[in-house]
Amino acid sequence: MQRKRYSLEFKQQLVQEAKEACNATQVARRHGIDVKMLYRWIRDSKHADWKNASPDAKAITSYTPSPGEFRELETENDKLKKLLGEKDLEIAILRDLVKKVNPAYRTKWK
């Protein structure tokens, strides 16, 4: 069985149609092609778009929070660290209790 070859215009048309419809499965069924093939075409078109993008669009920008946001993030981080410590302590206490109640579970919890 020979493979079908599709033109670039046909592929681009289907990719555009799938993007507009937001349903690649439906578009693939309508045109009688495999869904995996359409997803591959969509993925390839994204890669092609990225390759053709301007260097400014590809530039990675860094985010620096304002001093107020930084303080908020620090306080939230401290709260989360405290909560994590409490949970670790709780787990250790529960493991000790399990060891005391049923010594057979010792090897299971290590």
C-alpha atoms as a PDB file:
ATOM      1  CA  MET A   1       0.000   0.000   0.000  1.00  0.00           C
ATOM      2  CA  GLN A   2       1.404   3.358  -1.014  1.00  0.00           C
ATOM      3  CA  ARG A   3       1.489   6.310   1.306  1.00  0.00           C
ATOM      4  CA  LYS A   4      -0.584   9.325   0.502  1.00  0.00           C
ATOM      5  CA  ARG A   5       1.210  12.587   0.069  1.00  0.00           C
ATOM      6  CA  TYR A   6      -0.512  15.798   0.961  1.00  0.00           C
ATOM      7  CA  SER A   7       0.408  19.206  -0.359  1.00  0.00           C
ATOM      8  CA  LEU A   8       1.771  21.873   1.926  1.00  0.00           C
ATOM      9  CA  GLU A   9      -1.264  24.072   1.244  1.00  0.00           C
ATOM     10  CA  PHE A  10      -3.626  21.259   2.274  1.00  0.00           C
ATOM     11  CA  LYS A  11      -1.678  20.698   5.497  1.00  0.00           C
ATOM     12  CA  GLN A  12      -1.670  24.403   6.331  1.00  0.00           C
ATOM     13  CA  GLN A  13      -5.389  24.647   5.603  1.00  0.00           C
ATOM     14  CA  LEU A  14      -6.167  21.752   7.954  1.00  0.00           C
ATOM     15  CA  VAL A  15      -3.893  23.119  10.683  1.00  0.00           C
ATOM     16  CA  GLN A  16      -5.587  26.506  10.455  1.00  0.00           C
ATOM     17  CA  GLU A  17      -9.015  24.866  10.490  1.00  0.00           C
ATOM     18  CA  ALA A  18      -8.077  22.811  13.564  1.00  0.00           C
ATOM     19  CA  LYS A  19      -6.830  25.934  15.365  1.00  0.00           C
ATOM     20  CA  GLU A  20     -10.042  27.809  14.602  1.00  0.00           C
ATOM     21  CA  ALA A  21     -12.333  24.897  15.480  1.00  0.00           C
ATOM     22  CA  CYS A  22     -10.269  23.933  18.563  1.00  0.00           C
ATOM     23  CA  ASN A  23     -11.071  20.311  17.732  1.00  0.00           C
ATOM     24  CA  ALA A  24      -8.468  18.464  15.691  1.00  0.00           C
ATOM     25  CA  THR A  25     -10.317  15.152  15.923  1.00  0.00           C
ATOM     26  CA  GLN A  26     -13.395  16.536  14.242  1.00  0.00           C
ATOM     27  CA  VAL A  27     -11.361  18.182  11.476  1.00  0.00           C
ATOM     28  CA  ALA A  28      -9.395  14.974  10.853  1.00  0.00           C
ATOM     29  CA  ARG A  29     -12.562  12.888  10.613  1.00  0.00           C
ATOM     30  CA  ARG A  30     -14.181  15.386   8.267  1.00  0.00           C
ATOM     31  CA  HIS A  31     -11.227  15.183   5.869  1.00  0.00           C
ATOM     32  CA  GLY A  32     -10.613  11.451   6.289  1.00  0.00           C
ATOM     33  CA  ILE A  33      -7.109  11.570   7.716  1.00  0.00           C
ATOM     34  CA  ASP A  34      -5.593  10.086  10.854  1.00  0.00           C
ATOM     35  CA  VAL A  35      -5.811  12.292  13.941  1.00  0.00           C
ATOM     36  CA  LYS A  36      -2.187  11.588  14.859  1.00  0.00           C
ATOM     37  CA  MET A  37      -1.094  12.892  11.483  1.00  0.00           C
ATOM     38  CA  LEU A  38      -3.019  16.120  11.980  1.00  0.00           C
ATOM     39  CA  TYR A  39      -1.516  16.558  15.445  1.00  0.00           C
ATOM     40  CA  ARG A  40       1.943  16.037  13.916  1.00  0.00           C
ATOM     41  CA  TRP A  41       1.213  18.726  11.325  1.00  0.00           C
ATOM     42  CA  ILE A  42       0.048  21.087  14.084  1.00  0.00           C
ATOM     43  CA  ARG A  43       3.210  20.407  16.102  1.00  0.00           C
ATOM     44  CA  ASP A  44       5.401  20.917  13.036  1.00  0.00           C
ATOM     45  CA  SER A  45       3.654  24.196  12.234  1.00  0.00           C
ATOM     46  CA  LYS A  46       4.345  25.435  15.769  1.00  0.00           C
ATOM     47  CA  HIS A  47       8.021  24.556  15.370  1.00  0.00           C
ATOM     48  CA  ALA A  48       8.110  26.313  12.008  1.00  0.00           C
ATOM     49  CA  ASP A  49       6.439  29.374  13.531  1.00  0.00           C
ATOM     50  CA  TRP A  50       9.056  29.405  16.294  1.00  0.00           C
ATOM     51  CA  LYS A  51      11.922  29.099  13.808  1.00  0.00           C
ATOM     52  CA  ASN A  52      10.544  31.979  11.738  1.00  0.00           C
ATOM     53  CA  ALA A  53       9.900  34.217  14.754  1.00  0.00           C
ATOM     54  CA  SER A  54      11.975  37.324  15.247  1.00  0.00           C
ATOM     55  CA  PRO A  55      14.843  37.249  17.764  1.00  0.00           C
ATOM     56  CA  ASP A  56      12.971  39.783  19.903  1.00  0.00           C
ATOM     57  CA  ALA A  57      10.072  37.374  20.261  1.00  0.00           C
ATOM     58  CA  LYS A  58      12.464  34.604  21.302  1.00  0.00           C
ATOM     59  CA  ALA A  59      14.258  36.726  23.894  1.00  0.00           C
ATOM     60  CA  ILE A  60      13.804  35.443  27.408  1.00  0.00           C
ATOM     61  CA  THR A  61      12.762  38.121  29.822  1.00  0.00           C
ATOM     62  CA  SER A  62      13.372  37.932  33.533  1.00  0.00           C
ATOM     63  CA  TYR A  63      10.861  38.983  36.152  1.00  0.00           C
ATOM     64  CA  THR A  64      12.008  41.102  39.063  1.00  0.00           C
ATOM     65  CA  PRO A  65       9.349  41.767  41.675  1.00  0.00           C
ATOM     66  CA  SER A  66       8.922  45.152  43.288  1.00  0.00           C
ATOM     67  CA  PRO A  67      10.079  45.527  46.914  1.00  0.00           C
ATOM     68  CA  GLY A  68       6.496  45.141  48.160  1.00  0.00           C
ATOM     69  CA  GLU A  69       5.923  42.012  46.121  1.00  0.00           C
ATOM     70  CA  PHE A  70       9.278  40.674  47.263  1.00  0.00           C
ATOM     71  CA  ARG A  71       8.296  41.082  50.936  1.00  0.00           C
ATOM     72  CA  GLU A  72       4.979  39.341  50.284  1.00  0.00           C
ATOM     73  CA  LEU A  73       6.763  36.471  48.571  1.00  0.00           C
ATOM     74  CA  GLU A  74       9.226  36.170  51.448  1.00  0.00           C
ATOM     75  CA  THR A  75       6.450  36.028  54.053  1.00  0.00           C
ATOM     76  CA  GLU A  76       4.541  33.457  52.020  1.00  0.00           C
ATOM     77  CA  ASN A  77       7.730  31.425  51.639  1.00  0.00           C
ATOM     78  CA  ASP A  78       8.336  31.556  55.411  1.00  0.00           C
ATOM     79  CA  LYS A  79       4.765  30.411  56.113  1.00  0.00           C
ATOM     80  CA  LEU A  80       5.131  27.509  53.697  1.00  0.00           C
ATOM     81  CA  LYS A  81       8.464  26.477  55.238  1.00  0.00           C
ATOM     82  CA  LYS A  82       6.886  26.509  58.693  1.00  0.00           C
ATOM     83  CA  LEU A  83       3.930  24.443  57.463  1.00  0.00           C
ATOM     84  CA  LEU A  84       6.293  21.948  55.827  1.00  0.00           C
ATOM     85  CA  GLY A  85       8.259  21.608  59.060  1.00  0.00           C
ATOM     86  CA  GLU A  86       5.061  20.980  61.020  1.00  0.00           C
ATOM     87  CA  LYS A  87       3.960  18.316  58.544  1.00  0.00           C
ATOM     88  CA  ASP A  88       7.376  16.611  58.696  1.00  0.00           C
ATOM     89  CA  LEU A  89       7.159  16.563  62.496  1.00  0.00           C
ATOM     90  CA  GLU A  90       3.625  15.168  62.344  1.00  0.00           C
ATOM     91  CA  ILE A  91       4.750  12.388  60.002  1.00  0.00           C
ATOM     92  CA  ALA A  92       7.664  11.504  62.287  1.00  0.00           C
ATOM     93  CA  ILE A  93       5.334  11.316  65.310  1.00  0.00           C
ATOM     94  CA  LEU A  94       2.859   9.120  63.441  1.00  0.00           C
ATOM     95  CA  ARG A  95       5.642   6.781  62.293  1.00  0.00           C
ATOM     96  CA  ASP A  96       6.853   6.428  65.889  1.00  0.00           C
ATOM     97  CA  LEU A  97       3.318   5.613  67.006  1.00  0.00           C
ATOM     98  CA  VAL A  98       2.949   2.967  64.319  1.00  0.00           C
ATOM     99  CA  LYS A  99       6.255   1.387  65.389  1.00  0.00           C
ATOM    100  CA  LYS A 100       5.087   1.247  69.018  1.00  0.00           C
ATOM    101  CA  VAL A 101       1.631  -0.138  68.242  1.00  0.00           C
ATOM    102  CA  ASN A 102       2.647  -2.733  65.667  1.00  0.00           C
ATOM    103  CA  PRO A 103       6.346  -3.622  65.436  1.00  0.00           C
ATOM    104  CA  ALA A 104       5.736  -5.615  62.223  1.00  0.00           C
ATOM    105  CA  TYR A 105       5.393  -2.343  60.294  1.00  0.00           C
ATOM    106  CA  ARG A 106       8.931  -1.204  61.148  1.00  0.00           C
ATOM    107  CA  THR A 107      10.477  -2.359  57.908  1.00  0.00           C
ATOM    108  CA  LYS A 108       7.612  -1.026  55.846  1.00  0.00           C
ATOM    109  CA  TRP A 109       7.973   2.621  56.961  1.00  0.00           C
ATOM    110  CA  LYS A 110      11.737   3.029  56.735  1.00  0.00           C
END
